[in-house]
Every structure is written in structure tokens, then in C-alpha cells.
Amino acid sequence: MLLTFDDDFLTLVEGQGLEHRGVIYVQQAGRQIGDVVKVVDEHLQNRSGDDQSIQYV
């Protein structure tokens, strides 16, 4: 699982179909880092081990 705040990287993954083990894309604008950590932690606790999706938080 890869965590990124980078719009350009997300565009590469989506547009070019790059292989990955899962991506969490975080749009941080206006959010406190503690809130981002809580959301990401919750997602990681609830995802299955073979989840290779792109999640937007």
C-alpha cells in the first residue's frame, strides 16, 4: 500500500495503468495532519490483505 498526496503520481497510476499493491490518495488541503492519520489508519485496519484498489481520502 502506498500513501501519496501527489496529484501527478495519481494521474500516472490511473492514466497509464501502472501496477501497484494499492494506493491511498489524500487530498490534504484544509485538513489537519492528525485527521489525515486517523482516516488512513482506519482504512488500513479495515482493508483486506489483497486490496489493490485506489482509495481517495
PDB file of N, CA and C in Angstrom:
ATOM      1  N   MET A   1       0.854  -1.163   0.000  1.00  0.00           N
ATOM      2  CA  MET A   1       0.000   0.000   0.000  1.00  0.00           C
ATOM      3  C   MET A   1       0.901   1.227   0.000  1.00  0.00           C
ATOM      4  N   LEU A   2       0.577   2.162  -0.853  1.00  0.00           N
ATOM      5  CA  LEU A   2       1.331   3.406  -0.960  1.00  0.00           C
ATOM      6  C   LEU A   2       0.416   4.565  -0.600  1.00  0.00           C
ATOM      7  N   LEU A   3       0.905   5.468   0.204  1.00  0.00           N
ATOM      8  CA  LEU A   3       0.176   6.685   0.569  1.00  0.00           C
ATOM      9  C   LEU A   3       0.804   7.841  -0.183  1.00  0.00           C
ATOM     10  N   THR A   4      -0.031   8.653  -0.848  1.00  0.00           N
ATOM     11  CA  THR A   4       0.503   9.787  -1.588  1.00  0.00           C
ATOM     12  C   THR A   4      -0.422  10.990  -1.485  1.00  0.00           C
ATOM     13  N   PHE A   5       0.177  12.154  -1.532  1.00  0.00           N
ATOM     14  CA  PHE A   5      -0.539  13.421  -1.620  1.00  0.00           C
ATOM     15  C   PHE A   5      -0.362  14.013  -3.027  1.00  0.00           C
ATOM     16  N   ASP A   6       0.346  13.305  -3.891  1.00  0.00           N
ATOM     17  CA  ASP A   6       0.808  13.808  -5.184  1.00  0.00           C
ATOM     18  C   ASP A   6      -0.206  13.543  -6.299  1.00  0.00           C
ATOM     19  N   ASP A   7      -0.832  14.615  -6.795  1.00  0.00           N
ATOM     20  CA  ASP A   7      -1.800  14.507  -7.895  1.00  0.00           C
ATOM     21  C   ASP A   7      -1.172  13.906  -9.147  1.00  0.00           C
ATOM     22  N   ASP A   8       0.075  14.288  -9.430  1.00  0.00           N
ATOM     23  CA  ASP A   8       0.741  13.807 -10.642  1.00  0.00           C
ATOM     24  C   ASP A   8       0.960  12.294 -10.585  1.00  0.00           C
ATOM     25  N   PHE A   9       1.343  11.786  -9.425  1.00  0.00           N
ATOM     26  CA  PHE A   9       1.533  10.345  -9.288  1.00  0.00           C
ATOM     27  C   PHE A   9       0.209   9.621  -9.482  1.00  0.00           C
ATOM     28  N   LEU A  10      -0.853  10.136  -8.896  1.00  0.00           N
ATOM     29  CA  LEU A  10      -2.173   9.524  -9.052  1.00  0.00           C
ATOM     30  C   LEU A  10      -2.584   9.493 -10.524  1.00  0.00           C
ATOM     31  N   THR A  11      -2.303  10.553 -11.241  1.00  0.00           N
ATOM     32  CA  THR A  11      -2.613  10.606 -12.671  1.00  0.00           C
ATOM     33  C   THR A  11      -1.853   9.524 -13.430  1.00  0.00           C
ATOM     34  N   LEU A  12      -0.595   9.295 -13.084  1.00  0.00           N
ATOM     35  CA  LEU A  12       0.188   8.235 -13.732  1.00  0.00           C
ATOM     36  C   LEU A  12      -0.416   6.860 -13.460  1.00  0.00           C
ATOM     37  N   VAL A  13      -0.759   6.610 -12.217  1.00  0.00           N
ATOM     38  CA  VAL A  13      -1.314   5.303 -11.852  1.00  0.00           C
ATOM     39  C   VAL A  13      -2.635   5.063 -12.574  1.00  0.00           C
ATOM     40  N   GLU A  14      -3.516   6.057 -12.560  1.00  0.00           N
ATOM     41  CA  GLU A  14      -4.833   5.910 -13.185  1.00  0.00           C
ATOM     42  C   GLU A  14      -4.730   5.906 -14.709  1.00  0.00           C
ATOM     43  N   GLY A  15      -3.995   6.848 -15.258  1.00  0.00           N
ATOM     44  CA  GLY A  15      -3.947   7.040 -16.702  1.00  0.00           C
ATOM     45  C   GLY A  15      -3.145   6.001 -17.451  1.00  0.00           C
ATOM     46  N   GLN A  16      -2.067   5.514 -16.844  1.00  0.00           N
ATOM     47  CA  GLN A  16      -1.201   4.567 -17.540  1.00  0.00           C
ATOM     48  C   GLN A  16      -1.351   3.148 -17.018  1.00  0.00           C
ATOM     49  N   GLY A  17      -2.241   2.970 -16.058  1.00  0.00           N
ATOM     50  CA  GLY A  17      -2.479   1.628 -15.548  1.00  0.00           C
ATOM     51  C   GLY A  17      -1.266   0.989 -14.903  1.00  0.00           C
ATOM     52  N   LEU A  18      -0.453   1.783 -14.213  1.00  0.00           N
ATOM     53  CA  LEU A  18       0.732   1.239 -13.562  1.00  0.00           C
ATOM     54  C   LEU A  18       0.336   0.200 -12.509  1.00  0.00           C
ATOM     55  N   GLU A  19       1.104  -0.872 -12.435  1.00  0.00           N
ATOM     56  CA  GLU A  19       0.846  -1.893 -11.422  1.00  0.00           C
ATOM     57  C   GLU A  19       1.170  -1.354 -10.044  1.00  0.00           C
ATOM     58  N   HIS A  20       0.351  -1.728  -9.065  1.00  0.00           N
ATOM     59  CA  HIS A  20       0.592  -1.307  -7.692  1.00  0.00           C
ATOM     60  C   HIS A  20      -0.099  -2.280  -6.752  1.00  0.00           C
ATOM     61  N   ARG A  21       0.247  -2.198  -5.488  1.00  0.00           N
ATOM     62  CA  ARG A  21      -0.339  -3.057  -4.452  1.00  0.00           C
ATOM     63  C   ARG A  21      -1.439  -2.332  -3.698  1.00  0.00           C
ATOM     64  N   GLY A  22      -1.851  -1.188  -4.202  1.00  0.00           N
ATOM     65  CA  GLY A  22      -2.875  -0.373  -3.570  1.00  0.00           C
ATOM     66  C   GLY A  22      -2.340   1.018  -3.316  1.00  0.00           C
ATOM     67  N   VAL A  23      -3.207   2.009  -3.486  1.00  0.00           N
ATOM     68  CA  VAL A  23      -2.815   3.398  -3.306  1.00  0.00           C
ATOM     69  C   VAL A  23      -3.879   4.098  -2.460  1.00  0.00           C
ATOM     70  N   ILE A  24      -3.416   4.862  -1.499  1.00  0.00           N
ATOM     71  CA  ILE A  24      -4.300   5.765  -0.769  1.00  0.00           C
ATOM     72  C   ILE A  24      -3.890   7.168  -1.180  1.00  0.00           C
ATOM     73  N   TYR A  25      -4.810   7.866  -1.816  1.00  0.00           N
ATOM     74  CA  TYR A  25      -4.550   9.242  -2.227  1.00  0.00           C
ATOM     75  C   TYR A  25      -5.242  10.173  -1.232  1.00  0.00           C
ATOM     76  N   VAL A  26      -4.481  11.081  -0.663  1.00  0.00           N
ATOM     77  CA  VAL A  26      -5.004  12.007   0.333  1.00  0.00           C
ATOM     78  C   VAL A  26      -4.969  13.419  -0.226  1.00  0.00           C
ATOM     79  N   GLN A  27      -6.117  14.065  -0.249  1.00  0.00           N
ATOM     80  CA  GLN A  27      -6.169  15.478  -0.587  1.00  0.00           C
ATOM     81  C   GLN A  27      -6.123  16.215   0.751  1.00  0.00           C
ATOM     82  N   GLN A  28      -4.979  16.788   1.063  1.00  0.00           N
ATOM     83  CA  GLN A  28      -4.735  17.327   2.391  1.00  0.00           C
ATOM     84  C   GLN A  28      -5.271  18.739   2.592  1.00  0.00           C
ATOM     85  N   ALA A  29      -5.561  19.440   1.549  1.00  0.00           N
ATOM     86  CA  ALA A  29      -5.948  20.847   1.653  1.00  0.00           C
ATOM     87  C   ALA A  29      -7.011  21.062   2.731  1.00  0.00           C
ATOM     88  N   GLY A  30      -6.681  21.923   3.692  1.00  0.00           N
ATOM     89  CA  GLY A  30      -7.633  22.273   4.731  1.00  0.00           C
ATOM     90  C   GLY A  30      -7.769  21.255   5.850  1.00  0.00           C
ATOM     91  N   ARG A  31      -6.971  20.196   5.839  1.00  0.00           N
ATOM     92  CA  ARG A  31      -7.057  19.166   6.864  1.00  0.00           C
ATOM     93  C   ARG A  31      -5.848  19.225   7.782  1.00  0.00           C
ATOM     94  N   GLN A  32      -6.089  18.918   9.024  1.00  0.00           N
ATOM     95  CA  GLN A  32      -5.006  18.769   9.983  1.00  0.00           C
ATOM     96  C   GLN A  32      -4.360  17.412   9.767  1.00  0.00           C
ATOM     97  N   ILE A  33      -3.047  17.312   9.938  1.00  0.00           N
ATOM     98  CA  ILE A  33      -2.348  16.051   9.689  1.00  0.00           C
ATOM     99  C   ILE A  33      -2.874  14.943  10.604  1.00  0.00           C
ATOM    100  N   GLY A  34      -3.262  15.288  11.830  1.00  0.00           N
ATOM    101  CA  GLY A  34      -3.812  14.289  12.744  1.00  0.00           C
ATOM    102  C   GLY A  34      -5.085  13.665  12.202  1.00  0.00           C
ATOM    103  N   ASP A  35      -5.928  14.477  11.551  1.00  0.00           N
ATOM    104  CA  ASP A  35      -7.160  13.959  10.948  1.00  0.00           C
ATOM    105  C   ASP A  35      -6.845  13.018   9.791  1.00  0.00           C
ATOM    106  N   VAL A  36      -5.839  13.372   9.003  1.00  0.00           N
ATOM    107  CA  VAL A  36      -5.425  12.520   7.887  1.00  0.00           C
ATOM    108  C   VAL A  36      -4.924  11.182   8.421  1.00  0.00           C
ATOM    109  N   VAL A  37      -4.107  11.215   9.464  1.00  0.00           N
ATOM    110  CA  VAL A  37      -3.567   9.980  10.045  1.00  0.00           C
ATOM    111  C   VAL A  37      -4.699   9.082  10.538  1.00  0.00           C
ATOM    112  N   LYS A  38      -5.690   9.645  11.189  1.00  0.00           N
ATOM    113  CA  LYS A  38      -6.826   8.851  11.690  1.00  0.00           C
ATOM    114  C   LYS A  38      -7.577   8.161  10.553  1.00  0.00           C
ATOM    115  N   VAL A  39      -7.848   8.891   9.480  1.00  0.00           N
ATOM    116  CA  VAL A  39      -8.588   8.322   8.351  1.00  0.00           C
ATOM    117  C   VAL A  39      -7.776   7.216   7.677  1.00  0.00           C
ATOM    118  N   VAL A  40      -6.496   7.443   7.480  1.00  0.00           N
ATOM    119  CA  VAL A  40      -5.635   6.444   6.841  1.00  0.00           C
ATOM    120  C   VAL A  40      -5.528   5.204   7.730  1.00  0.00           C
ATOM    121  N   ASP A  41      -5.336   5.408   9.034  1.00  0.00           N
ATOM    122  CA  ASP A  41      -5.251   4.283   9.963  1.00  0.00           C
ATOM    123  C   ASP A  41      -6.528   3.451   9.938  1.00  0.00           C
ATOM    124  N   GLU A  42      -7.667   4.103   9.933  1.00  0.00           N
ATOM    125  CA  GLU A  42      -8.947   3.382   9.874  1.00  0.00           C
ATOM    126  C   GLU A  42      -9.054   2.560   8.594  1.00  0.00           C
ATOM    127  N   HIS A  43      -8.663   3.164   7.496  1.00  0.00           N
ATOM    128  CA  HIS A  43      -8.712   2.441   6.217  1.00  0.00           C
ATOM    129  C   HIS A  43      -7.807   1.215   6.250  1.00  0.00           C
ATOM    130  N   LEU A  44      -6.610   1.371   6.751  1.00  0.00           N
ATOM    131  CA  LEU A  44      -5.657   0.258   6.771  1.00  0.00           C
ATOM    132  C   LEU A  44      -6.132  -0.876   7.677  1.00  0.00           C
ATOM    133  N   GLN A  45      -6.811  -0.553   8.747  1.00  0.00           N
ATOM    134  CA  GLN A  45      -7.323  -1.581   9.650  1.00  0.00           C
ATOM    135  C   GLN A  45      -8.470  -2.367   9.029  1.00  0.00           C
ATOM    136  N   ASN A  46      -9.204  -1.737   8.116  1.00  0.00           N
ATOM    137  CA  ASN A  46     -10.399  -2.367   7.543  1.00  0.00           C
ATOM    138  C   ASN A  46     -10.193  -2.962   6.159  1.00  0.00           C
ATOM    139  N   ARG A  47      -9.034  -2.788   5.576  1.00  0.00           N
ATOM    140  CA  ARG A  47      -8.827  -3.303   4.209  1.00  0.00           C
ATOM    141  C   ARG A  47      -8.362  -4.748   4.244  1.00  0.00           C
ATOM    142  N   SER A  48      -8.701  -5.464   3.209  1.00  0.00           N
ATOM    143  CA  SER A  48      -8.242  -6.845   3.103  1.00  0.00           C
ATOM    144  C   SER A  48      -6.794  -6.860   2.612  1.00  0.00           C
ATOM    145  N   GLY A  49      -6.101  -7.936   2.892  1.00  0.00           N
ATOM    146  CA  GLY A  49      -4.692  -8.048   2.536  1.00  0.00           C
ATOM    147  C   GLY A  49      -4.416  -8.034   1.042  1.00  0.00           C
ATOM    148  N   ASP A  50      -5.413  -8.369   0.236  1.00  0.00           N
ATOM    149  CA  ASP A  50      -5.212  -8.414  -1.211  1.00  0.00           C
ATOM    150  C   ASP A  50      -5.834  -7.221  -1.937  1.00  0.00           C
ATOM    151  N   ASP A  51      -6.217  -6.194  -1.194  1.00  0.00           N
ATOM    152  CA  ASP A  51      -6.822  -4.988  -1.763  1.00  0.00           C
ATOM    153  C   ASP A  51      -5.777  -4.225  -2.577  1.00  0.00           C
ATOM    154  N   GLN A  52      -6.021  -4.079  -3.872  1.00  0.00           N
ATOM    155  CA  GLN A  52      -5.104  -3.355  -4.751  1.00  0.00           C
ATOM    156  C   GLN A  52      -5.812  -2.156  -5.392  1.00  0.00           C
ATOM    157  N   SER A  53      -6.774  -1.618  -4.684  1.00  0.00           N
ATOM    158  CA  SER A  53      -7.555  -0.517  -5.219  1.00  0.00           C
ATOM    159  C   SER A  53      -6.885   0.835  -4.957  1.00  0.00           C
ATOM    160  N   ILE A  54      -7.483   1.854  -5.521  1.00  0.00           N
ATOM    161  CA  ILE A  54      -7.078   3.221  -5.243  1.00  0.00           C
ATOM    162  C   ILE A  54      -8.173   3.807  -4.348  1.00  0.00           C
ATOM    163  N   GLN A  55      -7.772   4.264  -3.175  1.00  0.00           N
ATOM    164  CA  GLN A  55      -8.710   4.860  -2.228  1.00  0.00           C
ATOM    165  C   GLN A  55      -8.462   6.351  -2.151  1.00  0.00           C
ATOM    166  N   TYR A  56      -9.534   7.121  -2.129  1.00  0.00           N
ATOM    167  CA  TYR A  56      -9.438   8.572  -2.044  1.00  0.00           C
ATOM    168  C   TYR A  56      -9.929   9.007  -0.670  1.00  0.00           C
ATOM    169  N   VAL A  57      -9.061   9.649   0.084  1.00  0.00           N
ATOM    170  CA  VAL A  57      -9.472  10.121   1.418  1.00  0.00           C
ATOM    171  C   VAL A  57      -9.142  11.593   1.586  1.00  0.00           C
TER     172      VAL A  57
END
